[in-house]
Amino acid sequence: MKILDLIGLKITVLYHSNPYYINISGIIVFESRNFLYIRDHKGKIKRIYKMNGIYQLDFKGSHMIVHGCRIVGSPIKRIYKRRWSVG
């Protein structure tokens, strides 16, 4: 299953190379090619490098575990790849 748009999804950082980011949870408010911007429960925005983590996403009422390498890239390119890819 491919996730095309991450903005607005609830996320929890399960593992990250930077231990400070482990267990951060919140809502994804912005996404760039390499970073996720997460608003935590205090309202602060955290910028987290995608590649170095494992994340739990709440997507359509279920939990998905996603490795950061699966979500690296801009959202537009993910949509384009999904639209024109075969299979």
PDB file of N, CA and C in Angstrom:
ATOM      1  N   MET A   1       0.839  -1.178   0.000  1.00  0.00           N
ATOM      2  CA  MET A   1       0.000   0.000   0.000  1.00  0.00           C
ATOM      3  C   MET A   1       0.883   1.239   0.000  1.00  0.00           C
ATOM      4  N   LYS A   2       0.587   2.165  -0.875  1.00  0.00           N
ATOM      5  CA  LYS A   2       1.362   3.400  -0.929  1.00  0.00           C
ATOM      6  C   LYS A   2       0.576   4.517  -0.267  1.00  0.00           C
ATOM      7  N   ILE A   3       1.284   5.327   0.482  1.00  0.00           N
ATOM      8  CA  ILE A   3       0.681   6.506   1.094  1.00  0.00           C
ATOM      9  C   ILE A   3       1.076   7.699   0.249  1.00  0.00           C
ATOM     10  N   LEU A   4       0.084   8.433  -0.228  1.00  0.00           N
ATOM     11  CA  LEU A   4       0.377   9.536  -1.124  1.00  0.00           C
ATOM     12  C   LEU A   4       0.511  10.858  -0.386  1.00  0.00           C
ATOM     13  N   ASP A   5      -0.379  11.125   0.551  1.00  0.00           N
ATOM     14  CA  ASP A   5      -0.350  12.405   1.246  1.00  0.00           C
ATOM     15  C   ASP A   5      -0.284  12.164   2.749  1.00  0.00           C
ATOM     16  N   LEU A   6       0.754  12.646   3.378  1.00  0.00           N
ATOM     17  CA  LEU A   6       0.950  12.431   4.807  1.00  0.00           C
ATOM     18  C   LEU A   6       0.405  13.567   5.660  1.00  0.00           C
ATOM     19  N   ILE A   7       0.205  14.737   5.069  1.00  0.00           N
ATOM     20  CA  ILE A   7      -0.225  15.907   5.839  1.00  0.00           C
ATOM     21  C   ILE A   7      -1.597  15.641   6.450  1.00  0.00           C
ATOM     22  N   GLY A   8      -1.682  15.891   7.749  1.00  0.00           N
ATOM     23  CA  GLY A   8      -2.924  15.684   8.480  1.00  0.00           C
ATOM     24  C   GLY A   8      -3.002  14.350   9.195  1.00  0.00           C
ATOM     25  N   LEU A   9      -2.069  13.445   8.908  1.00  0.00           N
ATOM     26  CA  LEU A   9      -2.084  12.142   9.566  1.00  0.00           C
ATOM     27  C   LEU A   9      -1.463  12.230  10.956  1.00  0.00           C
ATOM     28  N   LYS A  10      -1.957  11.397  11.849  1.00  0.00           N
ATOM     29  CA  LYS A  10      -1.364  11.260  13.178  1.00  0.00           C
ATOM     30  C   LYS A  10      -0.150  10.358  13.060  1.00  0.00           C
ATOM     31  N   ILE A  11       0.940  10.732  13.734  1.00  0.00           N
ATOM     32  CA  ILE A  11       2.193   9.990  13.615  1.00  0.00           C
ATOM     33  C   ILE A  11       2.846   9.838  14.983  1.00  0.00           C
ATOM     34  N   THR A  12       3.527   8.718  15.161  1.00  0.00           N
ATOM     35  CA  THR A  12       4.365   8.481  16.336  1.00  0.00           C
ATOM     36  C   THR A  12       5.706   7.967  15.847  1.00  0.00           C
ATOM     37  N   VAL A  13       6.783   8.527  16.379  1.00  0.00           N
ATOM     38  CA  VAL A  13       8.127   8.075  16.017  1.00  0.00           C
ATOM     39  C   VAL A  13       8.466   6.886  16.916  1.00  0.00           C
ATOM     40  N   LEU A  14       8.584   5.703  16.307  1.00  0.00           N
ATOM     41  CA  LEU A  14       8.893   4.490  17.071  1.00  0.00           C
ATOM     42  C   LEU A  14      10.387   4.312  17.264  1.00  0.00           C
ATOM     43  N   TYR A  15      11.166   4.675  16.244  1.00  0.00           N
ATOM     44  CA  TYR A  15      12.627   4.575  16.307  1.00  0.00           C
ATOM     45  C   TYR A  15      13.201   5.694  15.456  1.00  0.00           C
ATOM     46  N   HIS A  16      14.329   6.232  15.886  1.00  0.00           N
ATOM     47  CA  HIS A  16      15.046   7.238  15.100  1.00  0.00           C
ATOM     48  C   HIS A  16      16.510   7.198  15.508  1.00  0.00           C
ATOM     49  N   SER A  17      17.381   7.539  14.576  1.00  0.00           N
ATOM     50  CA  SER A  17      18.812   7.561  14.894  1.00  0.00           C
ATOM     51  C   SER A  17      19.132   8.622  15.942  1.00  0.00           C
ATOM     52  N   ASN A  18      18.305   9.656  16.024  1.00  0.00           N
ATOM     53  CA  ASN A  18      18.430  10.661  17.079  1.00  0.00           C
ATOM     54  C   ASN A  18      17.459  10.276  18.201  1.00  0.00           C
ATOM     55  N   PRO A  19      17.953   9.793  19.331  1.00  0.00           N
ATOM     56  CA  PRO A  19      17.067   9.304  20.393  1.00  0.00           C
ATOM     57  C   PRO A  19      16.106  10.361  20.938  1.00  0.00           C
ATOM     58  N   TYR A  20      16.403  11.634  20.737  1.00  0.00           N
ATOM     59  CA  TYR A  20      15.522  12.707  21.190  1.00  0.00           C
ATOM     60  C   TYR A  20      14.145  12.613  20.525  1.00  0.00           C
ATOM     61  N   TYR A  21      14.090  12.114  19.305  1.00  0.00           N
ATOM     62  CA  TYR A  21      12.838  12.066  18.549  1.00  0.00           C
ATOM     63  C   TYR A  21      11.967  10.852  18.852  1.00  0.00           C
ATOM     64  N   ILE A  22      12.518   9.839  19.517  1.00  0.00           N
ATOM     65  CA  ILE A  22      11.742   8.626  19.797  1.00  0.00           C
ATOM     66  C   ILE A  22      10.560   8.966  20.707  1.00  0.00           C
ATOM     67  N   ASN A  23       9.401   8.438  20.361  1.00  0.00           N
ATOM     68  CA  ASN A  23       8.123   8.617  21.075  1.00  0.00           C
ATOM     69  C   ASN A  23       7.479   9.980  20.877  1.00  0.00           C
ATOM     70  N   ILE A  24       8.009  10.810  19.996  1.00  0.00           N
ATOM     71  CA  ILE A  24       7.311  12.048  19.658  1.00  0.00           C
ATOM     72  C   ILE A  24       6.082  11.662  18.843  1.00  0.00           C
ATOM     73  N   SER A  25       4.958  12.250  19.181  1.00  0.00           N
ATOM     74  CA  SER A  25       3.751  11.994  18.408  1.00  0.00           C
ATOM     75  C   SER A  25       3.020  13.304  18.190  1.00  0.00           C
ATOM     76  N   GLY A  26       2.207  13.320  17.161  1.00  0.00           N
ATOM     77  CA  GLY A  26       1.452  14.510  16.822  1.00  0.00           C
ATOM     78  C   GLY A  26       0.855  14.389  15.436  1.00  0.00           C
ATOM     79  N   ILE A  27       0.589  15.530  14.839  1.00  0.00           N
ATOM     80  CA  ILE A  27      -0.021  15.603  13.515  1.00  0.00           C
ATOM     81  C   ILE A  27       1.009  16.154  12.536  1.00  0.00           C
ATOM     82  N   ILE A  28       1.096  15.545  11.367  1.00  0.00           N
ATOM     83  CA  ILE A  28       1.998  16.048  10.326  1.00  0.00           C
ATOM     84  C   ILE A  28       1.358  17.294   9.724  1.00  0.00           C
ATOM     85  N   VAL A  29       2.061  18.433   9.821  1.00  0.00           N
ATOM     86  CA  VAL A  29       1.520  19.694   9.315  1.00  0.00           C
ATOM     87  C   VAL A  29       2.179  20.133   8.014  1.00  0.00           C
ATOM     88  N   PHE A  30       3.363  19.591   7.732  1.00  0.00           N
ATOM     89  CA  PHE A  30       4.053  19.930   6.488  1.00  0.00           C
ATOM     90  C   PHE A  30       5.043  18.823   6.203  1.00  0.00           C
ATOM     91  N   GLU A  31       5.369  18.679   4.927  1.00  0.00           N
ATOM     92  CA  GLU A  31       6.312  17.654   4.515  1.00  0.00           C
ATOM     93  C   GLU A  31       7.167  18.204   3.384  1.00  0.00           C
ATOM     94  N   SER A  32       8.465  18.003   3.491  1.00  0.00           N
ATOM     95  CA  SER A  32       9.368  18.325   2.386  1.00  0.00           C
ATOM     96  C   SER A  32       9.971  17.015   1.897  1.00  0.00           C
ATOM     97  N   ARG A  33      10.898  17.109   0.993  1.00  0.00           N
ATOM     98  CA  ARG A  33      11.492  15.899   0.422  1.00  0.00           C
ATOM     99  C   ARG A  33      12.113  15.008   1.498  1.00  0.00           C
ATOM    100  N   ASN A  34      12.815  15.611   2.439  1.00  0.00           N
ATOM    101  CA  ASN A  34      13.559  14.844   3.438  1.00  0.00           C
ATOM    102  C   ASN A  34      13.065  14.987   4.877  1.00  0.00           C
ATOM    103  N   PHE A  35      12.138  15.877   5.129  1.00  0.00           N
ATOM    104  CA  PHE A  35      11.728  16.151   6.509  1.00  0.00           C
ATOM    105  C   PHE A  35      10.219  16.083   6.689  1.00  0.00           C
ATOM    106  N   LEU A  36       9.824  15.684   7.894  1.00  0.00           N
ATOM    107  CA  LEU A  36       8.441  15.777   8.346  1.00  0.00           C
ATOM    108  C   LEU A  36       8.376  16.877   9.397  1.00  0.00           C
ATOM    109  N   TYR A  37       7.332  17.668   9.355  1.00  0.00           N
ATOM    110  CA  TYR A  37       7.105  18.705  10.353  1.00  0.00           C
ATOM    111  C   TYR A  37       5.880  18.278  11.156  1.00  0.00           C
ATOM    112  N   ILE A  38       6.107  17.987  12.437  1.00  0.00           N
ATOM    113  CA  ILE A  38       5.076  17.409  13.290  1.00  0.00           C
ATOM    114  C   ILE A  38       4.717  18.396  14.393  1.00  0.00           C
ATOM    115  N   ARG A  39       3.408  18.661  14.556  1.00  0.00           N
ATOM    116  CA  ARG A  39       2.943  19.493  15.671  1.00  0.00           C
ATOM    117  C   ARG A  39       2.635  18.554  16.831  1.00  0.00           C
ATOM    118  N   ASP A  40       3.358  18.737  17.936  1.00  0.00           N
ATOM    119  CA  ASP A  40       3.160  17.857  19.092  1.00  0.00           C
ATOM    120  C   ASP A  40       1.982  18.343  19.940  1.00  0.00           C
ATOM    121  N   HIS A  41       1.723  17.653  21.038  1.00  0.00           N
ATOM    122  CA  HIS A  41       0.571  17.975  21.884  1.00  0.00           C
ATOM    123  C   HIS A  41       0.690  19.338  22.567  1.00  0.00           C
ATOM    124  N   LYS A  42       1.902  19.892  22.625  1.00  0.00           N
ATOM    125  CA  LYS A  42       2.106  21.221  23.203  1.00  0.00           C
ATOM    126  C   LYS A  42       1.980  22.328  22.163  1.00  0.00           C
ATOM    127  N   GLY A  43       1.803  21.956  20.903  1.00  0.00           N
ATOM    128  CA  GLY A  43       1.681  22.934  19.835  1.00  0.00           C
ATOM    129  C   GLY A  43       2.996  23.291  19.171  1.00  0.00           C
ATOM    130  N   LYS A  44       4.086  22.692  19.624  1.00  0.00           N
ATOM    131  CA  LYS A  44       5.394  22.963  19.021  1.00  0.00           C
ATOM    132  C   LYS A  44       5.567  22.130  17.760  1.00  0.00           C
ATOM    133  N   ILE A  45       6.276  22.709  16.790  1.00  0.00           N
ATOM    134  CA  ILE A  45       6.540  22.006  15.534  1.00  0.00           C
ATOM    135  C   ILE A  45       7.946  21.424  15.590  1.00  0.00           C
ATOM    136  N   LYS A  46       8.037  20.137  15.354  1.00  0.00           N
ATOM    137  CA  LYS A  46       9.323  19.429  15.331  1.00  0.00           C
ATOM    138  C   LYS A  46       9.648  19.071  13.885  1.00  0.00           C
ATOM    139  N   ARG A  47      10.883  19.301  13.482  1.00  0.00           N
ATOM    140  CA  ARG A  47      11.345  18.923  12.144  1.00  0.00           C
ATOM    141  C   ARG A  47      12.162  17.646  12.284  1.00  0.00           C
ATOM    142  N   ILE A  48      11.698  16.588  11.648  1.00  0.00           N
ATOM    143  CA  ILE A  48      12.324  15.274  11.806  1.00  0.00           C
ATOM    144  C   ILE A  48      12.748  14.748  10.444  1.00  0.00           C
ATOM    145  N   TYR A  49      13.988  14.297  10.381  1.00  0.00           N
ATOM    146  CA  TYR A  49      14.542  13.711   9.157  1.00  0.00           C
ATOM    147  C   TYR A  49      13.857  12.372   8.896  1.00  0.00           C
ATOM    148  N   LYS A  50      13.261  12.223   7.716  1.00  0.00           N
ATOM    149  CA  LYS A  50      12.476  11.027   7.396  1.00  0.00           C
ATOM    150  C   LYS A  50      13.306   9.751   7.376  1.00  0.00           C
ATOM    151  N   MET A  51      14.444   9.787   6.699  1.00  0.00           N
ATOM    152  CA  MET A  51      15.193   8.576   6.379  1.00  0.00           C
ATOM    153  C   MET A  51      15.606   7.768   7.608  1.00  0.00           C
ATOM    154  N   ASN A  52      15.915   8.425   8.696  1.00  0.00           N
ATOM    155  CA  ASN A  52      16.508   7.742   9.848  1.00  0.00           C
ATOM    156  C   ASN A  52      15.501   7.236  10.865  1.00  0.00           C
ATOM    157  N   GLY A  53      14.254   7.036  10.470  1.00  0.00           N
ATOM    158  CA  GLY A  53      13.271   6.642  11.462  1.00  0.00           C
ATOM    159  C   GLY A  53      12.319   5.554  11.018  1.00  0.00           C
ATOM    160  N   ILE A  54      11.615   5.032  12.009  1.00  0.00           N
ATOM    161  CA  ILE A  54      10.501   4.119  11.787  1.00  0.00           C
ATOM    162  C   ILE A  54       9.302   4.768  12.466  1.00  0.00           C
ATOM    163  N   TYR A  55       8.193   4.846  11.737  1.00  0.00           N
ATOM    164  CA  TYR A  55       7.048   5.630  12.175  1.00  0.00           C
ATOM    165  C   TYR A  55       5.783   4.788  12.201  1.00  0.00           C
ATOM    166  N   GLN A  56       4.896   5.142  13.114  1.00  0.00           N
ATOM    167  CA  GLN A  56       3.557   4.566  13.122  1.00  0.00           C
ATOM    168  C   GLN A  56       2.607   5.652  12.658  1.00  0.00           C
ATOM    169  N   LEU A  57       1.870   5.383  11.597  1.00  0.00           N
ATOM    170  CA  LEU A  57       0.909   6.330  11.054  1.00  0.00           C
ATOM    171  C   LEU A  57      -0.500   5.813  11.303  1.00  0.00           C
ATOM    172  N   ASP A  58      -1.397   6.702  11.708  1.00  0.00           N
ATOM    173  CA  ASP A  58      -2.813   6.355  11.803  1.00  0.00           C
ATOM    174  C   ASP A  58      -3.439   6.752  10.477  1.00  0.00           C
ATOM    175  N   PHE A  59      -3.853   5.743   9.720  1.00  0.00           N
ATOM    176  CA  PHE A  59      -4.318   5.958   8.351  1.00  0.00           C
ATOM    177  C   PHE A  59      -5.635   5.222   8.149  1.00  0.00           C
ATOM    178  N   LYS A  60      -6.707   5.978   7.942  1.00  0.00           N
ATOM    179  CA  LYS A  60      -8.037   5.408   7.708  1.00  0.00           C
ATOM    180  C   LYS A  60      -8.450   4.426   8.802  1.00  0.00           C
ATOM    181  N   GLY A  61      -8.243   4.823  10.037  1.00  0.00           N
ATOM    182  CA  GLY A  61      -8.673   4.007  11.160  1.00  0.00           C
ATOM    183  C   GLY A  61      -7.780   2.839  11.522  1.00  0.00           C
ATOM    184  N   SER A  62      -6.653   2.702  10.861  1.00  0.00           N
ATOM    185  CA  SER A  62      -5.738   1.616  11.203  1.00  0.00           C
ATOM    186  C   SER A  62      -4.334   2.181  11.405  1.00  0.00           C
ATOM    187  N   HIS A  63      -3.474   1.379  12.017  1.00  0.00           N
ATOM    188  CA  HIS A  63      -2.093   1.777  12.250  1.00  0.00           C
ATOM    189  C   HIS A  63      -1.207   1.131  11.199  1.00  0.00           C
ATOM    190  N   MET A  64      -0.298   1.918  10.655  1.00  0.00           N
ATOM    191  CA  MET A  64       0.681   1.400   9.707  1.00  0.00           C
ATOM    192  C   MET A  64       2.065   1.708  10.246  1.00  0.00           C
ATOM    193  N   ILE A  65       2.973   0.741  10.163  1.00  0.00           N
ATOM    194  CA  ILE A  65       4.368   0.953  10.517  1.00  0.00           C
ATOM    195  C   ILE A  65       5.118   1.174   9.212  1.00  0.00           C
ATOM    196  N   VAL A  66       5.834   2.300   9.118  1.00  0.00           N
ATOM    197  CA  VAL A  66       6.496   2.683   7.876  1.00  0.00           C
ATOM    198  C   VAL A  66       7.943   3.050   8.167  1.00  0.00           C
ATOM    199  N   HIS A  67       8.858   2.514   7.390  1.00  0.00           N
ATOM    200  CA  HIS A  67      10.267   2.905   7.486  1.00  0.00           C
ATOM    201  C   HIS A  67      10.441   4.209   6.715  1.00  0.00           C
ATOM    202  N   GLY A  68      11.294   5.078   7.216  1.00  0.00           N
ATOM    203  CA  GLY A  68      11.497   6.388   6.606  1.00  0.00           C
ATOM    204  C   GLY A  68      11.899   6.354   5.148  1.00  0.00           C
ATOM    205  N   CYS A  69      12.641   5.335   4.729  1.00  0.00           N
ATOM    206  CA  CYS A  69      13.069   5.276   3.327  1.00  0.00           C
ATOM    207  C   CYS A  69      11.881   5.117   2.385  1.00  0.00           C
ATOM    208  N   ARG A  70      10.730   4.630   2.880  1.00  0.00           N
ATOM    209  CA  ARG A  70       9.538   4.459   2.041  1.00  0.00           C
ATOM    210  C   ARG A  70       8.806   5.773   1.792  1.00  0.00           C
ATOM    211  N   ILE A  71       9.082   6.786   2.597  1.00  0.00           N
ATOM    212  CA  ILE A  71       8.358   8.050   2.449  1.00  0.00           C
ATOM    213  C   ILE A  71       9.255   9.212   2.043  1.00  0.00           C
ATOM    214  N   VAL A  72      10.542   8.944   1.804  1.00  0.00           N
ATOM    215  CA  VAL A  72      11.441  10.006   1.346  1.00  0.00           C
ATOM    216  C   VAL A  72      11.017  10.414  -0.056  1.00  0.00           C
ATOM    217  N   GLY A  73      11.048  11.701  -0.298  1.00  0.00           N
ATOM    218  CA  GLY A  73      10.639  12.247  -1.588  1.00  0.00           C
ATOM    219  C   GLY A  73       9.484  13.202  -1.382  1.00  0.00           C
ATOM    220  N   SER A  74       9.290  14.067  -2.342  1.00  0.00           N
ATOM    221  CA  SER A  74       8.218  15.046  -2.217  1.00  0.00           C
ATOM    222  C   SER A  74       6.870  14.378  -2.473  1.00  0.00           C
ATOM    223  N   PRO A  75       5.821  14.899  -1.862  1.00  0.00           N
ATOM    224  CA  PRO A  75       4.495  14.312  -2.058  1.00  0.00           C
ATOM    225  C   PRO A  75       4.066  14.320  -3.521  1.00  0.00           C
ATOM    226  N   ILE A  76       4.417  15.351  -4.248  1.00  0.00           N
ATOM    227  CA  ILE A  76       4.043  15.439  -5.661  1.00  0.00           C
ATOM    228  C   ILE A  76       4.656  14.294  -6.450  1.00  0.00           C
ATOM    229  N   LYS A  77       5.910  13.991  -6.187  1.00  0.00           N
ATOM    230  CA  LYS A  77       6.560  12.890  -6.905  1.00  0.00           C
ATOM    231  C   LYS A  77       5.945  11.548  -6.540  1.00  0.00           C
ATOM    232  N   ARG A  78       5.534  11.362  -5.272  1.00  0.00           N
ATOM    233  CA  ARG A  78       4.876  10.110  -4.890  1.00  0.00           C
ATOM    234  C   ARG A  78       3.556   9.948  -5.627  1.00  0.00           C
ATOM    235  N   ILE A  79       2.802  11.036  -5.747  1.00  0.00           N
ATOM    236  CA  ILE A  79       1.530  10.984  -6.467  1.00  0.00           C
ATOM    237  C   ILE A  79       1.778  10.684  -7.937  1.00  0.00           C
ATOM    238  N   TYR A  80       2.767  11.343  -8.524  1.00  0.00           N
ATOM    239  CA  TYR A  80       3.078  11.133  -9.937  1.00  0.00           C
ATOM    240  C   TYR A  80       3.491   9.684 -10.191  1.00  0.00           C
ATOM    241  N   LYS A  81       4.363   9.143  -9.329  1.00  0.00           N
ATOM    242  CA  LYS A  81       4.802   7.751  -9.489  1.00  0.00           C
ATOM    243  C   LYS A  81       3.621   6.803  -9.384  1.00  0.00           C
ATOM    244  N   ARG A  82       2.730   7.046  -8.449  1.00  0.00           N
ATOM    245  CA  ARG A  82       1.566   6.179  -8.242  1.00  0.00           C
ATOM    246  C   ARG A  82       0.642   6.232  -9.447  1.00  0.00           C
ATOM    247  N   ARG A  83       0.456   7.412 -10.002  1.00  0.00           N
ATOM    248  CA  ARG A  83      -0.473   7.572 -11.112  1.00  0.00           C
ATOM    249  C   ARG A  83       0.029   6.890 -12.370  1.00  0.00           C
ATOM    250  N   TRP A  84       1.323   6.968 -12.626  1.00  0.00           N
ATOM    251  CA  TRP A  84       1.857   6.461 -13.885  1.00  0.00           C
ATOM    252  C   TRP A  84       2.563   5.126 -13.761  1.00  0.00           C
ATOM    253  N   SER A  85       2.667   4.592 -12.573  1.00  0.00           N
ATOM    254  CA  SER A  85       3.336   3.295 -12.441  1.00  0.00           C
ATOM    255  C   SER A  85       2.376   2.164 -12.795  1.00  0.00           C
ATOM    256  N   VAL A  86       2.943   1.091 -13.264  1.00  0.00           N
ATOM    257  CA  VAL A  86       2.145  -0.081 -13.604  1.00  0.00           C
ATOM    258  C   VAL A  86       2.321  -1.093 -12.489  1.00  0.00           C
ATOM    259  N   GLY A  87       1.226  -1.632 -11.981  1.00  0.00           N
ATOM    260  CA  GLY A  87       1.299  -2.661 -10.939  1.00  0.00           C
ATOM    261  C   GLY A  87       1.121  -2.107  -9.641  1.00  0.00           C
TER     262      GLY A  87
END
